[in-house]
Amino acid sequence: MNMPRLYWRDGSLALSPTCVMGIVNVTPDSFFGGSRAASVEAAVARAAALAAEGAHVIDIGAESTRPGHAPVSAEEEQARLLPVLEGIRAQLALPISVDTYKASTAAAALARGAVIVNDIQGLQGDPDMARVAADHGAAVIAMHNRATVDADIDILADMVAFFERTLAIAARAGIGEASLVLDPGIGFGKTPRQNLVVIAHLAELRARFHQPILVGASRKSFINAVVPSTPEERLPGTLATHLAAVAAGCEIIRVHDVAAHVQAFAVAAAIGNARS
């Protein structure tokens, strides 16, 4: 069985299914307490633990983007993020992604060795983000997002239109398709039902755009709409969601619980291999 991996080569993201992205949050208000790190040392230790569990890439976030979050300045975000980035780079050889929608923060992180920008606004927020990513030869994870929730819209059509705009922005900036990953944005500007619809139609999204897909449904509240639960109780629902995403062709999964996902994906792959 081929083990999943993600690596950097010639300015392009090279994938073999399934890549597990481990979450390190250096914020005091992330919705899941298990992902928070209260100090640089704690954040570096969490990254090392995720790597030991089998993570293929580390995603560092220094501003919570949960519903109702309080935005922070670029200066505060960078003060939280950059020491952690430097500490992780000193200890681990894994690719590092920076979870930010601010071009100045992305630029500072890329200059210090991050290789992926994880933009929750899909290159459609900060007008300088695409240029910064292109100038640094970075990969970009572009997430679908909506400012408001509208239960009456066709969420899939909305997503297609959004990603078409993102692809056009990326092309104008010189970001190659091999460096662009699409994220349907589970939990961002969607009803619980719309989140389920998106997950159910991931294969169509993958076929429509021919780009790698990242899904990050880890412990999110749509699971509570199916089975009432706190974030701490949602690992089973998370695994079910992410296994469905991988079965639909999703290449990257962003998670809090790396070891559980590595085991689940390995068993699912072994079952698939047994068919032949």
Protein backbone atom coordinates (compact mmCIF):
# COMPACT_ATOMS: atom_id res chain seq x y z
CA MET A 1 0.00 0.00 0.00
CA ASN A 2 1.31 3.47 -0.86
CA MET A 3 1.37 5.71 2.19
CA PRO A 4 -0.05 9.21 1.74
CA ARG A 5 2.36 12.11 1.48
CA LEU A 6 2.67 15.72 0.45
CA TYR A 7 5.88 17.32 -0.66
CA TRP A 8 7.19 20.39 -2.45
CA ARG A 9 8.83 20.14 -5.85
CA ASP A 10 9.63 22.79 -8.44
CA GLY A 11 7.12 25.25 -7.02
CA SER A 12 4.23 22.80 -7.27
CA LEU A 13 2.29 20.79 -4.74
CA ALA A 14 2.82 17.09 -5.34
CA LEU A 15 0.25 14.77 -3.78
CA SER A 16 -0.44 11.14 -3.28
CA PRO A 17 -3.69 10.33 -1.45
CA THR A 18 -4.43 10.96 1.34
CA CYS A 19 -2.50 13.89 2.79
CA VAL A 20 -3.22 14.61 6.46
CA MET A 21 -2.80 18.25 7.54
CA GLY A 22 -2.41 18.69 11.28
CA ILE A 23 -3.82 21.81 12.94
CA VAL A 24 -1.81 23.97 15.33
CA ASN A 25 -3.75 26.95 16.70
CA VAL A 26 -1.92 29.72 18.54
CA THR A 27 -5.13 31.48 19.51
CA PRO A 28 -6.94 31.76 22.83
CA ASP A 29 -10.40 31.36 21.29
CA SER A 30 -10.39 28.48 18.80
CA PHE A 31 -13.61 26.48 19.07
CA PHE A 32 -11.86 23.19 19.97
CA GLY A 33 -9.70 23.43 23.07
CA GLY A 34 -7.60 20.42 22.11
CA SER A 35 -5.98 22.34 19.26
CA ARG A 36 -4.98 25.45 21.24
CA ALA A 37 -1.40 26.11 22.25
CA ALA A 38 -0.84 28.74 24.94
CA SER A 39 2.86 29.31 24.28
CA VAL A 40 5.46 28.98 21.54
CA GLU A 41 6.86 25.92 23.30
CA ALA A 42 3.44 24.29 23.53
CA ALA A 43 2.73 24.98 19.86
CA VAL A 44 6.05 23.51 18.73
CA ALA A 45 5.46 20.48 20.95
CA ARG A 46 1.97 20.01 19.46
CA ALA A 47 3.40 20.17 15.93
CA ALA A 48 6.04 17.59 16.86
CA ALA A 49 3.34 15.33 18.32
CA LEU A 50 1.22 15.64 15.18
CA ALA A 51 4.24 14.79 13.04
CA ALA A 52 4.92 11.72 15.19
CA GLU A 53 1.30 10.67 14.69
CA GLY A 54 1.75 10.79 10.91
CA ALA A 55 0.88 14.32 9.78
CA HIS A 56 2.27 15.21 6.36
CA VAL A 57 1.93 19.00 6.68
CA ILE A 58 1.41 21.39 9.60
CA ASP A 59 -1.12 24.24 9.34
CA ILE A 60 -0.55 27.12 11.77
CA GLY A 61 -3.36 29.53 12.55
CA ALA A 62 -2.98 32.63 14.72
CA GLU A 63 -6.49 34.07 14.39
CA SER A 64 -9.63 32.13 15.15
CA THR A 65 -12.11 32.17 12.26
CA ARG A 66 -14.92 30.36 14.08
CA PRO A 67 -18.41 31.93 13.81
CA GLY A 68 -18.50 35.09 15.89
CA HIS A 69 -14.72 35.35 16.17
CA ALA A 70 -13.03 38.61 17.09
CA PRO A 71 -10.66 39.72 14.28
CA VAL A 72 -7.09 40.55 15.25
CA SER A 73 -4.64 42.94 13.63
CA ALA A 74 -1.92 41.74 11.29
CA GLU A 75 0.64 42.82 13.89
CA GLU A 76 -0.92 40.68 16.62
CA GLU A 77 -1.41 37.76 14.25
CA GLN A 78 2.26 37.84 13.24
CA ALA A 79 3.45 38.22 16.83
CA ARG A 80 1.62 34.98 17.64
CA LEU A 81 2.48 33.11 14.46
CA LEU A 82 6.05 33.87 13.44
CA PRO A 83 7.87 32.60 16.56
CA VAL A 84 5.90 29.35 16.33
CA LEU A 85 6.68 29.01 12.63
CA GLU A 86 10.38 29.50 13.28
CA GLY A 87 10.32 27.03 16.17
CA ILE A 88 8.57 24.35 14.10
CA ARG A 89 10.93 24.85 11.17
CA ALA A 90 13.90 24.39 13.48
CA GLN A 91 12.60 21.00 14.62
CA LEU A 92 10.60 19.50 11.73
CA ALA A 93 11.17 19.01 8.02
CA LEU A 94 7.45 18.92 7.18
CA PRO A 95 5.89 21.52 4.86
CA ILE A 96 4.27 24.33 6.80
CA SER A 97 1.01 26.03 5.84
CA VAL A 98 -0.05 29.38 7.27
CA ASP A 99 -3.78 29.87 7.86
CA THR A 100 -4.34 33.57 7.14
CA TYR A 101 -6.38 35.88 4.93
CA LYS A 102 -3.95 38.79 5.34
CA ALA A 103 -1.33 39.26 2.61
CA SER A 104 1.16 40.91 4.96
CA THR A 105 1.03 37.93 7.33
CA ALA A 106 1.35 35.51 4.43
CA ALA A 107 4.39 37.40 3.13
CA ALA A 108 6.09 37.38 6.53
CA ALA A 109 5.43 33.66 6.97
CA LEU A 110 6.56 32.71 3.47
CA ALA A 111 9.77 34.69 3.96
CA ARG A 112 10.44 32.53 7.04
CA GLY A 113 9.94 29.19 5.34
CA ALA A 114 6.23 28.47 5.09
CA VAL A 115 5.37 27.08 1.65
CA ILE A 116 1.55 27.08 1.63
CA VAL A 117 -0.99 29.87 2.16
CA ASN A 118 -4.34 28.66 3.48
CA ASP A 119 -6.68 31.55 2.63
CA ILE A 120 -10.23 31.31 3.99
CA GLN A 121 -11.28 34.04 1.55
CA GLY A 122 -10.16 32.17 -1.53
CA LEU A 123 -7.89 34.98 -2.86
CA GLN A 124 -10.96 37.24 -2.92
CA GLY A 125 -10.36 39.12 0.32
CA ASP A 126 -7.02 40.90 0.53
CA PRO A 127 -6.31 42.13 -3.03
CA ASP A 128 -2.57 41.61 -2.53
CA MET A 129 -2.78 37.94 -1.48
CA ALA A 130 -2.47 36.38 -4.94
CA ARG A 131 0.57 38.49 -5.80
CA VAL A 132 2.29 37.62 -2.53
CA ALA A 133 1.72 33.90 -3.08
CA ALA A 134 2.94 34.10 -6.67
CA ASP A 135 6.03 36.13 -5.76
CA HIS A 136 7.05 33.49 -3.21
CA GLY A 137 6.16 30.53 -5.41
CA ALA A 138 3.78 29.31 -2.71
CA ALA A 139 0.97 26.84 -2.98
CA VAL A 140 -2.46 28.24 -2.18
CA ILE A 141 -5.42 26.61 -0.49
CA ALA A 142 -8.39 28.71 -1.61
CA MET A 143 -11.50 28.24 0.50
CA HIS A 144 -15.10 28.95 -0.46
CA ASN A 145 -16.68 31.36 1.97
CA ARG A 146 -19.82 33.44 2.26
CA ALA A 147 -20.34 36.60 4.31
CA THR A 148 -23.89 35.52 5.16
CA VAL A 149 -25.80 32.28 5.39
CA ASP A 150 -28.66 31.89 2.91
CA ALA A 151 -30.61 28.66 3.14
CA ASP A 152 -32.41 29.37 -0.15
CA ILE A 153 -29.43 29.46 -2.51
CA ASP A 154 -28.00 26.61 -4.55
CA ILE A 155 -24.80 26.23 -2.56
CA LEU A 156 -23.09 24.15 -5.25
CA ALA A 157 -23.77 26.75 -7.95
CA ASP A 158 -22.53 29.45 -5.58
CA MET A 159 -19.35 27.46 -5.01
CA VAL A 160 -18.74 26.96 -8.73
CA ALA A 161 -19.07 30.69 -9.40
CA PHE A 162 -16.81 31.50 -6.45
CA PHE A 163 -14.06 29.13 -7.55
CA GLU A 164 -14.22 30.36 -11.12
CA ARG A 165 -13.42 33.84 -9.77
CA THR A 166 -10.61 32.41 -7.65
CA LEU A 167 -9.08 30.59 -10.62
CA ALA A 168 -9.19 33.77 -12.68
CA ILE A 169 -7.46 35.75 -9.91
CA ALA A 170 -4.82 33.06 -9.54
CA ALA A 171 -4.17 32.94 -13.28
CA ARG A 172 -3.76 36.72 -13.51
CA ALA A 173 -1.25 36.64 -10.65
CA GLY A 174 0.74 33.82 -12.20
CA ILE A 175 -0.23 31.10 -9.72
CA GLY A 176 -0.13 27.85 -11.66
CA GLU A 177 -2.92 25.29 -11.43
CA ALA A 178 -0.42 22.80 -9.98
CA SER A 179 -0.05 25.11 -6.97
CA LEU A 180 -3.76 25.63 -6.26
CA VAL A 181 -5.95 23.56 -3.93
CA LEU A 182 -9.69 24.17 -3.51
CA ASP A 183 -11.45 23.93 -0.16
CA PRO A 184 -15.29 23.86 -0.12
CA GLY A 185 -15.27 25.64 3.25
CA ILE A 186 -17.28 23.33 5.48
CA GLY A 187 -18.85 25.46 8.20
CA PHE A 188 -18.21 28.81 6.54
CA GLY A 189 -21.35 30.69 5.48
CA LYS A 190 -23.46 27.55 5.12
CA THR A 191 -26.38 25.95 6.87
CA PRO A 192 -25.88 22.48 8.37
CA ARG A 193 -27.89 21.06 5.46
CA GLN A 194 -25.73 22.90 2.91
CA ASN A 195 -22.60 21.48 4.52
CA LEU A 196 -23.98 17.98 4.07
CA VAL A 197 -24.93 18.72 0.45
CA VAL A 198 -21.41 19.94 -0.29
CA ILE A 199 -19.85 16.80 1.21
CA ALA A 200 -22.27 14.61 -0.72
CA HIS A 201 -21.26 16.28 -4.01
CA LEU A 202 -17.48 16.50 -3.59
CA ALA A 203 -16.85 14.14 -6.49
CA GLU A 204 -18.71 16.52 -8.81
CA LEU A 205 -16.66 19.46 -7.54
CA ARG A 206 -13.47 17.51 -8.12
CA ALA A 207 -14.55 16.60 -11.66
CA ARG A 208 -15.65 20.15 -12.45
CA PHE A 209 -12.37 21.86 -11.59
CA HIS A 210 -9.72 19.12 -11.87
CA GLN A 211 -7.92 20.65 -8.88
CA PRO A 212 -6.88 18.94 -5.64
CA ILE A 213 -9.54 19.28 -2.95
CA LEU A 214 -9.00 19.88 0.75
CA VAL A 215 -11.75 19.19 3.28
CA GLY A 216 -11.61 20.41 6.85
CA ALA A 217 -14.69 19.23 8.73
CA SER A 218 -12.88 18.42 11.95
CA ARG A 219 -15.26 18.57 14.94
CA LYS A 220 -17.42 21.26 13.29
CA SER A 221 -20.91 22.19 14.37
CA PHE A 222 -22.79 20.67 11.41
CA ILE A 223 -22.10 17.31 13.11
CA ASN A 224 -24.12 18.60 16.08
CA ALA A 225 -27.08 19.12 13.73
CA VAL A 226 -26.98 15.40 12.89
CA VAL A 227 -26.16 14.08 16.36
CA PRO A 228 -26.24 16.58 19.27
CA SER A 229 -22.67 16.83 20.53
CA THR A 230 -19.97 19.14 21.82
CA PRO A 231 -16.75 19.67 19.84
CA GLU A 232 -15.04 17.21 22.19
CA GLU A 233 -17.60 14.52 21.26
CA ARG A 234 -17.40 14.86 17.46
CA LEU A 235 -14.44 12.68 16.47
CA PRO A 236 -16.67 9.82 15.18
CA GLY A 237 -18.68 12.23 13.02
CA THR A 238 -15.46 13.83 11.82
CA LEU A 239 -14.03 10.47 10.75
CA ALA A 240 -17.25 9.56 8.93
CA THR A 241 -17.19 12.85 7.06
CA HIS A 242 -13.54 12.63 6.09
CA LEU A 243 -13.78 9.01 4.97
CA ALA A 244 -16.66 10.04 2.70
CA ALA A 245 -14.55 12.91 1.38
CA VAL A 246 -11.61 10.64 0.59
CA ALA A 247 -13.93 8.16 -1.12
CA ALA A 248 -15.11 11.05 -3.32
CA GLY A 249 -11.54 11.84 -4.40
CA CYS A 250 -10.50 14.45 -1.85
CA GLU A 251 -6.71 14.53 -1.55
CA ILE A 252 -6.07 16.58 1.61
CA ILE A 253 -7.82 16.41 4.97
CA ARG A 254 -7.25 19.10 7.62
CA VAL A 255 -7.68 17.61 11.10
CA HIS A 256 -7.19 18.05 14.83
CA ASP A 257 -6.82 14.29 15.42
CA VAL A 258 -4.02 13.02 13.20
CA ALA A 259 -3.45 9.52 14.61
CA ALA A 260 -7.13 8.56 14.36
CA HIS A 261 -7.28 9.72 10.74
CA VAL A 262 -4.04 8.04 9.69
CA GLN A 263 -5.36 4.75 11.06
CA ALA A 264 -8.81 5.18 9.49
CA PHE A 265 -7.37 6.02 6.07
CA ALA A 266 -4.90 3.14 6.23
CA VAL A 267 -7.64 0.63 7.01
CA ALA A 268 -9.93 2.05 4.32
CA ALA A 269 -7.09 1.81 1.78
CA ALA A 270 -6.31 -1.75 2.83
CA ILE A 271 -9.94 -2.73 2.33
CA GLY A 272 -9.90 -1.11 -1.09
CA ASN A 273 -6.71 -2.93 -2.03
CA ALA A 274 -8.24 -6.24 -0.92
CA ARG A 275 -10.85 -5.92 -3.67
CA SER A 276 -8.10 -6.58 -6.20
